[in-house]
Protein backbone atom coordinates (compact mmCIF):
# COMPACT_ATOMS: atom_id res chain seq x y z
CA MET A 1 11.71 -17.45 -79.15
CA ILE A 2 9.83 -14.47 -77.82
CA SER A 3 9.05 -12.11 -80.82
CA SER A 4 6.61 -9.56 -79.08
CA PHE A 5 5.26 -8.39 -75.77
CA ARG A 6 1.74 -7.10 -74.79
CA SER A 7 3.22 -6.09 -71.43
CA ARG A 8 5.52 -2.79 -71.49
CA ASP A 9 6.85 -3.95 -68.09
CA LEU A 10 7.97 -7.50 -69.31
CA ARG A 11 9.32 -5.92 -72.46
CA SER A 12 11.37 -3.57 -70.39
CA LEU A 13 12.73 -6.35 -68.22
CA TRP A 14 13.57 -8.58 -71.15
CA GLN A 15 15.07 -6.03 -73.55
CA LYS A 16 16.67 -3.62 -71.18
CA GLY A 17 17.05 -5.80 -68.08
CA ASP A 18 15.07 -3.17 -66.06
CA PRO A 19 13.18 -5.16 -63.33
CA SER A 20 11.70 -1.84 -61.76
CA ARG A 21 8.12 -2.55 -62.86
CA ILE A 22 7.80 -6.11 -61.89
CA ARG A 23 7.05 -6.97 -58.36
CA PRO A 24 10.25 -8.22 -56.39
CA ASP A 25 8.51 -11.32 -55.15
CA LEU A 26 7.65 -12.41 -58.70
CA LEU A 27 10.81 -11.33 -60.41
CA ASP A 28 12.96 -14.75 -60.24
CA ARG A 29 10.11 -16.71 -61.28
CA VAL A 30 9.18 -14.40 -64.12
CA ARG A 31 12.77 -14.37 -65.43
CA ARG A 32 12.76 -18.30 -65.35
CA ARG A 33 9.55 -18.58 -67.34
CA LEU A 34 10.63 -15.96 -69.79
CA ASP A 35 13.84 -17.69 -70.31
CA ALA A 36 11.80 -21.09 -70.98
CA ILE A 37 9.53 -19.27 -73.37
CA GLN A 38 12.65 -17.91 -75.23
CA ALA A 39 14.10 -21.54 -75.56
CA ALA A 40 10.81 -22.98 -76.56
CA THR A 41 10.15 -23.97 -80.22
CA ARG A 42 6.45 -24.93 -79.61
CA PRO A 43 4.09 -24.34 -76.82
CA GLU A 44 4.19 -27.89 -75.48
CA ASP A 45 7.95 -27.26 -74.55
CA LEU A 46 6.63 -25.24 -71.70
CA ASN A 47 4.78 -28.35 -70.06
CA ILE A 48 7.34 -28.19 -67.28
CA PRO A 49 6.62 -29.21 -63.66
CA GLY A 50 5.63 -26.15 -61.65
CA PHE A 51 4.70 -24.10 -64.68
CA ASN A 52 1.06 -25.32 -64.83
CA PHE A 53 1.17 -24.76 -68.59
CA HIS A 54 -2.27 -25.05 -70.31
CA ARG A 55 -4.17 -23.52 -73.26
CA LEU A 56 -6.69 -20.88 -72.23
CA GLN A 57 -10.35 -21.14 -73.51
CA GLY A 58 -11.62 -19.05 -76.07
CA ARG A 59 -10.31 -17.22 -79.07
CA PRO A 60 -7.66 -16.17 -80.10
CA LEU A 61 -5.74 -19.05 -78.97
CA ARG A 62 -3.57 -18.25 -75.92
CA TYR A 63 -1.46 -20.20 -73.44
CA THR A 64 -0.50 -19.69 -69.88
CA VAL A 65 2.22 -20.54 -67.39
CA HIS A 66 1.78 -20.04 -63.75
CA VAL A 67 4.14 -17.48 -61.96
CA ASN A 68 2.83 -17.22 -58.37
CA GLY A 69 -0.54 -16.86 -56.76
CA PRO A 70 -3.04 -15.38 -59.25
CA TRP A 71 -0.13 -14.13 -61.65
CA CYS A 72 0.47 -15.93 -64.99
CA ILE A 73 2.39 -15.21 -68.12
CA THR A 74 0.08 -15.51 -71.11
CA PHE A 75 1.01 -15.72 -74.75
CA SER A 76 0.01 -16.58 -78.20
CA TRP A 77 2.13 -18.73 -80.60
CA GLU A 78 3.10 -18.02 -84.29
CA GLY A 79 5.40 -20.60 -85.91
CA GLU A 80 8.25 -21.18 -83.53
CA ASN A 81 7.70 -17.82 -81.76
CA ALA A 82 5.82 -16.67 -78.57
CA ILE A 83 3.91 -13.49 -79.32
CA GLN A 84 1.94 -10.96 -77.37
CA VAL A 85 3.68 -12.08 -74.17
CA ASP A 86 1.80 -10.60 -70.99
CA LEU A 87 1.96 -10.78 -67.31
CA GLU A 88 -1.73 -11.08 -65.99
CA GLN A 89 -3.44 -11.46 -62.70
CA TYR A 90 -6.15 -14.08 -62.85
CA HIS A 91 -9.04 -14.80 -60.45
């Protein structure tokens, strides 16, 4: 379950259904990944083909799922909840 967001844009999409701050070409994929994160009870549940799920190096421990191009959703995990969910551009 998603319990907190780093990104105000993702929080607005998730809590209010407001997609205005998410690029239209990313929107469907972002929604699918947020739904999967919401349903997950452990990070490994997100090891889904096409998501390119993996642990990020460094501390604190964070994970990522690929969205499109350099865009990824990153998050930490606490108990059965995803925390500090963010939409980031890598590379």
